[in-house]
Amino acid sequence: MRNGYFSSLIFALLTSASITAVAAPAVKPEASNPAAVATMSTAAQSGKINLNAADASTLQKELSGVGEAKAQAIVAYRDINGPFASVDELLEVKGIGKAILDRNRDKLEVN
């Protein structure tokens, strides 16, 4: 009788240990990109996207009609020509027309 009780106790202990290991999966914390966090917090504070500070992924996510290629074109234009002087200067970027600018004008600012 002692042997059966001891076996049952060991079985219960091992079962609970394996359930605990399965129930608590190891999750790596995501490393945050400080530049992206700073850009997002700036946009969140004012409610507008700064054309001179936003990265391509932020522009792509936040602007209507702007995909990956146009967002990268905006950043490339800024890198080559310096910071935007006004929101209207966005028309100089290849692929950005008046319709896209008008659709997003209230979301944009230049600082």
C-alpha atoms as a PDB file:
ATOM      1  CA  MET A   1       0.000   0.000   0.000  1.00  0.00           C
ATOM      2  CA  ARG A   2       2.845   2.359   0.786  1.00  0.00           C
ATOM      3  CA  ASN A   3       4.417   1.706  -2.592  1.00  0.00           C
ATOM      4  CA  GLY A   4       1.159   2.584  -4.460  1.00  0.00           C
ATOM      5  CA  TYR A   5       0.673   5.780  -2.445  1.00  0.00           C
ATOM      6  CA  PHE A   6       4.263   6.875  -3.080  1.00  0.00           C
ATOM      7  CA  SER A   7       3.936   6.189  -6.837  1.00  0.00           C
ATOM      8  CA  SER A   8       0.714   8.187  -6.984  1.00  0.00           C
ATOM      9  CA  LEU A   9       2.362  11.090  -5.167  1.00  0.00           C
ATOM     10  CA  ILE A  10       5.342  11.116  -7.553  1.00  0.00           C
ATOM     11  CA  PHE A  11       3.006  10.902 -10.568  1.00  0.00           C
ATOM     12  CA  ALA A  12       0.964  13.867  -9.294  1.00  0.00           C
ATOM     13  CA  LEU A  13       4.103  15.914  -8.666  1.00  0.00           C
ATOM     14  CA  LEU A  14       5.545  15.265 -12.122  1.00  0.00           C
ATOM     15  CA  THR A  15       2.217  15.936 -13.827  1.00  0.00           C
ATOM     16  CA  SER A  16       1.785  19.286 -12.098  1.00  0.00           C
ATOM     17  CA  ALA A  17       5.376  20.257 -12.979  1.00  0.00           C
ATOM     18  CA  SER A  18       4.845  19.472 -16.659  1.00  0.00           C
ATOM     19  CA  ILE A  19       1.533  21.363 -16.750  1.00  0.00           C
ATOM     20  CA  THR A  20       3.217  24.390 -15.205  1.00  0.00           C
ATOM     21  CA  ALA A  21       5.964  24.299 -17.824  1.00  0.00           C
ATOM     22  CA  VAL A  22       3.442  24.113 -20.670  1.00  0.00           C
ATOM     23  CA  ALA A  23       1.069  26.703 -19.200  1.00  0.00           C
ATOM     24  CA  ALA A  24       3.790  29.363 -18.858  1.00  0.00           C
ATOM     25  CA  PRO A  25       5.406  29.728 -22.290  1.00  0.00           C
ATOM     26  CA  ALA A  26       8.639  31.670 -22.518  1.00  0.00           C
ATOM     27  CA  VAL A  27       8.062  35.012 -24.217  1.00  0.00           C
ATOM     28  CA  LYS A  28      10.913  37.255 -25.225  1.00  0.00           C
ATOM     29  CA  PRO A  29      10.247  40.924 -24.585  1.00  0.00           C
ATOM     30  CA  GLU A  30      10.289  42.903 -27.802  1.00  0.00           C
ATOM     31  CA  ALA A  31      13.149  45.297 -28.181  1.00  0.00           C
ATOM     32  CA  SER A  32      11.781  48.733 -28.904  1.00  0.00           C
ATOM     33  CA  ASN A  33      13.283  51.081 -31.413  1.00  0.00           C
ATOM     34  CA  PRO A  34      13.896  54.400 -29.567  1.00  0.00           C
ATOM     35  CA  ALA A  35      13.683  56.423 -32.785  1.00  0.00           C
ATOM     36  CA  ALA A  36      10.321  54.906 -33.701  1.00  0.00           C
ATOM     37  CA  VAL A  37       9.040  55.453 -30.168  1.00  0.00           C
ATOM     38  CA  ALA A  38      10.125  59.092 -30.283  1.00  0.00           C
ATOM     39  CA  THR A  39       8.461  59.595 -33.659  1.00  0.00           C
ATOM     40  CA  MET A  40       5.258  57.937 -32.551  1.00  0.00           C
ATOM     41  CA  SER A  41       5.141  59.908 -29.289  1.00  0.00           C
ATOM     42  CA  THR A  42       5.618  63.176 -31.216  1.00  0.00           C
ATOM     43  CA  ALA A  43       2.754  62.264 -33.525  1.00  0.00           C
ATOM     44  CA  ALA A  44       0.596  61.187 -30.602  1.00  0.00           C
ATOM     45  CA  GLN A  45       1.208  64.426 -28.664  1.00  0.00           C
ATOM     46  CA  SER A  46       0.237  66.851 -31.414  1.00  0.00           C
ATOM     47  CA  GLY A  47      -2.034  64.542 -33.382  1.00  0.00           C
ATOM     48  CA  LYS A  48      -0.062  65.374 -36.534  1.00  0.00           C
ATOM     49  CA  ILE A  49       2.865  63.737 -38.291  1.00  0.00           C
ATOM     50  CA  ASN A  50       6.023  65.786 -38.614  1.00  0.00           C
ATOM     51  CA  LEU A  51       7.302  65.382 -42.178  1.00  0.00           C
ATOM     52  CA  ASN A  52      10.837  66.190 -41.044  1.00  0.00           C
ATOM     53  CA  ALA A  53      10.990  63.578 -38.271  1.00  0.00           C
ATOM     54  CA  ALA A  54       8.734  60.675 -39.289  1.00  0.00           C
ATOM     55  CA  ASP A  55      10.303  57.501 -40.616  1.00  0.00           C
ATOM     56  CA  ALA A  56       9.024  55.585 -43.646  1.00  0.00           C
ATOM     57  CA  SER A  57       7.033  53.040 -41.634  1.00  0.00           C
ATOM     58  CA  THR A  58       5.198  55.792 -39.727  1.00  0.00           C
ATOM     59  CA  LEU A  59       4.378  57.638 -42.938  1.00  0.00           C
ATOM     60  CA  GLN A  60       3.116  54.425 -44.523  1.00  0.00           C
ATOM     61  CA  LYS A  61       0.892  53.559 -41.560  1.00  0.00           C
ATOM     62  CA  GLU A  62      -0.521  56.993 -40.879  1.00  0.00           C
ATOM     63  CA  LEU A  63      -1.034  58.529 -44.313  1.00  0.00           C
ATOM     64  CA  SER A  64      -3.851  57.582 -46.642  1.00  0.00           C
ATOM     65  CA  GLY A  65      -2.722  56.531 -50.118  1.00  0.00           C
ATOM     66  CA  VAL A  66       0.938  56.277 -49.102  1.00  0.00           C
ATOM     67  CA  GLY A  67       2.438  52.823 -49.384  1.00  0.00           C
ATOM     68  CA  GLU A  68       5.948  51.582 -48.791  1.00  0.00           C
ATOM     69  CA  ALA A  69       7.428  53.012 -52.019  1.00  0.00           C
ATOM     70  CA  LYS A  70       5.936  56.496 -51.552  1.00  0.00           C
ATOM     71  CA  ALA A  71       6.922  56.590 -47.876  1.00  0.00           C
ATOM     72  CA  GLN A  72      10.507  55.708 -48.793  1.00  0.00           C
ATOM     73  CA  ALA A  73      10.428  58.339 -51.552  1.00  0.00           C
ATOM     74  CA  ILE A  74       9.396  60.979 -48.992  1.00  0.00           C
ATOM     75  CA  VAL A  75      12.269  60.038 -46.677  1.00  0.00           C
ATOM     76  CA  ALA A  76      14.736  59.915 -49.613  1.00  0.00           C
ATOM     77  CA  TYR A  77      13.618  63.367 -50.797  1.00  0.00           C
ATOM     78  CA  ARG A  78      14.107  64.724 -47.284  1.00  0.00           C
ATOM     79  CA  ASP A  79      17.570  63.141 -47.051  1.00  0.00           C
ATOM     80  CA  ILE A  80      18.668  64.612 -50.395  1.00  0.00           C
ATOM     81  CA  ASN A  81      17.026  68.066 -50.211  1.00  0.00           C
ATOM     82  CA  GLY A  82      16.999  68.708 -46.473  1.00  0.00           C
ATOM     83  CA  PRO A  83      13.993  69.265 -44.244  1.00  0.00           C
ATOM     84  CA  PHE A  84      10.635  70.214 -45.702  1.00  0.00           C
ATOM     85  CA  ALA A  85       9.913  73.944 -45.504  1.00  0.00           C
ATOM     86  CA  SER A  86       6.156  73.446 -45.844  1.00  0.00           C
ATOM     87  CA  VAL A  87       3.612  70.690 -46.258  1.00  0.00           C
ATOM     88  CA  ASP A  88       3.073  71.836 -49.859  1.00  0.00           C
ATOM     89  CA  GLU A  89       6.676  70.891 -50.678  1.00  0.00           C
ATOM     90  CA  LEU A  90       5.492  67.283 -50.463  1.00  0.00           C
ATOM     91  CA  LEU A  91       4.191  67.774 -54.031  1.00  0.00           C
ATOM     92  CA  GLU A  92       7.834  67.737 -55.182  1.00  0.00           C
ATOM     93  CA  VAL A  93       8.160  64.069 -54.153  1.00  0.00           C
ATOM     94  CA  LYS A  94       7.719  61.652 -57.043  1.00  0.00           C
ATOM     95  CA  GLY A  95       4.415  59.796 -56.686  1.00  0.00           C
ATOM     96  CA  ILE A  96       2.767  62.351 -54.413  1.00  0.00           C
ATOM     97  CA  GLY A  97       0.066  64.317 -56.158  1.00  0.00           C
ATOM     98  CA  LYS A  98      -2.431  66.952 -55.159  1.00  0.00           C
ATOM     99  CA  ALA A  99      -5.105  64.359 -54.301  1.00  0.00           C
ATOM    100  CA  ILE A 100      -2.859  62.521 -51.825  1.00  0.00           C
ATOM    101  CA  LEU A 101      -1.684  65.796 -50.296  1.00  0.00           C
ATOM    102  CA  ASP A 102      -5.249  67.097 -49.917  1.00  0.00           C
ATOM    103  CA  ARG A 103      -6.352  63.796 -48.346  1.00  0.00           C
ATOM    104  CA  ASN A 104      -3.579  63.988 -45.730  1.00  0.00           C
ATOM    105  CA  ARG A 105      -3.054  67.719 -45.259  1.00  0.00           C
ATOM    106  CA  ASP A 106      -4.776  67.825 -41.846  1.00  0.00           C
ATOM    107  CA  LYS A 107      -2.525  64.979 -40.584  1.00  0.00           C
ATOM    108  CA  LEU A 108       0.746  66.660 -41.532  1.00  0.00           C
ATOM    109  CA  GLU A 109       2.937  69.365 -40.073  1.00  0.00           C
ATOM    110  CA  VAL A 110       6.451  70.661 -40.593  1.00  0.00           C
ATOM    111  CA  ASN A 111       8.603  71.575 -37.602  1.00  0.00           C
END
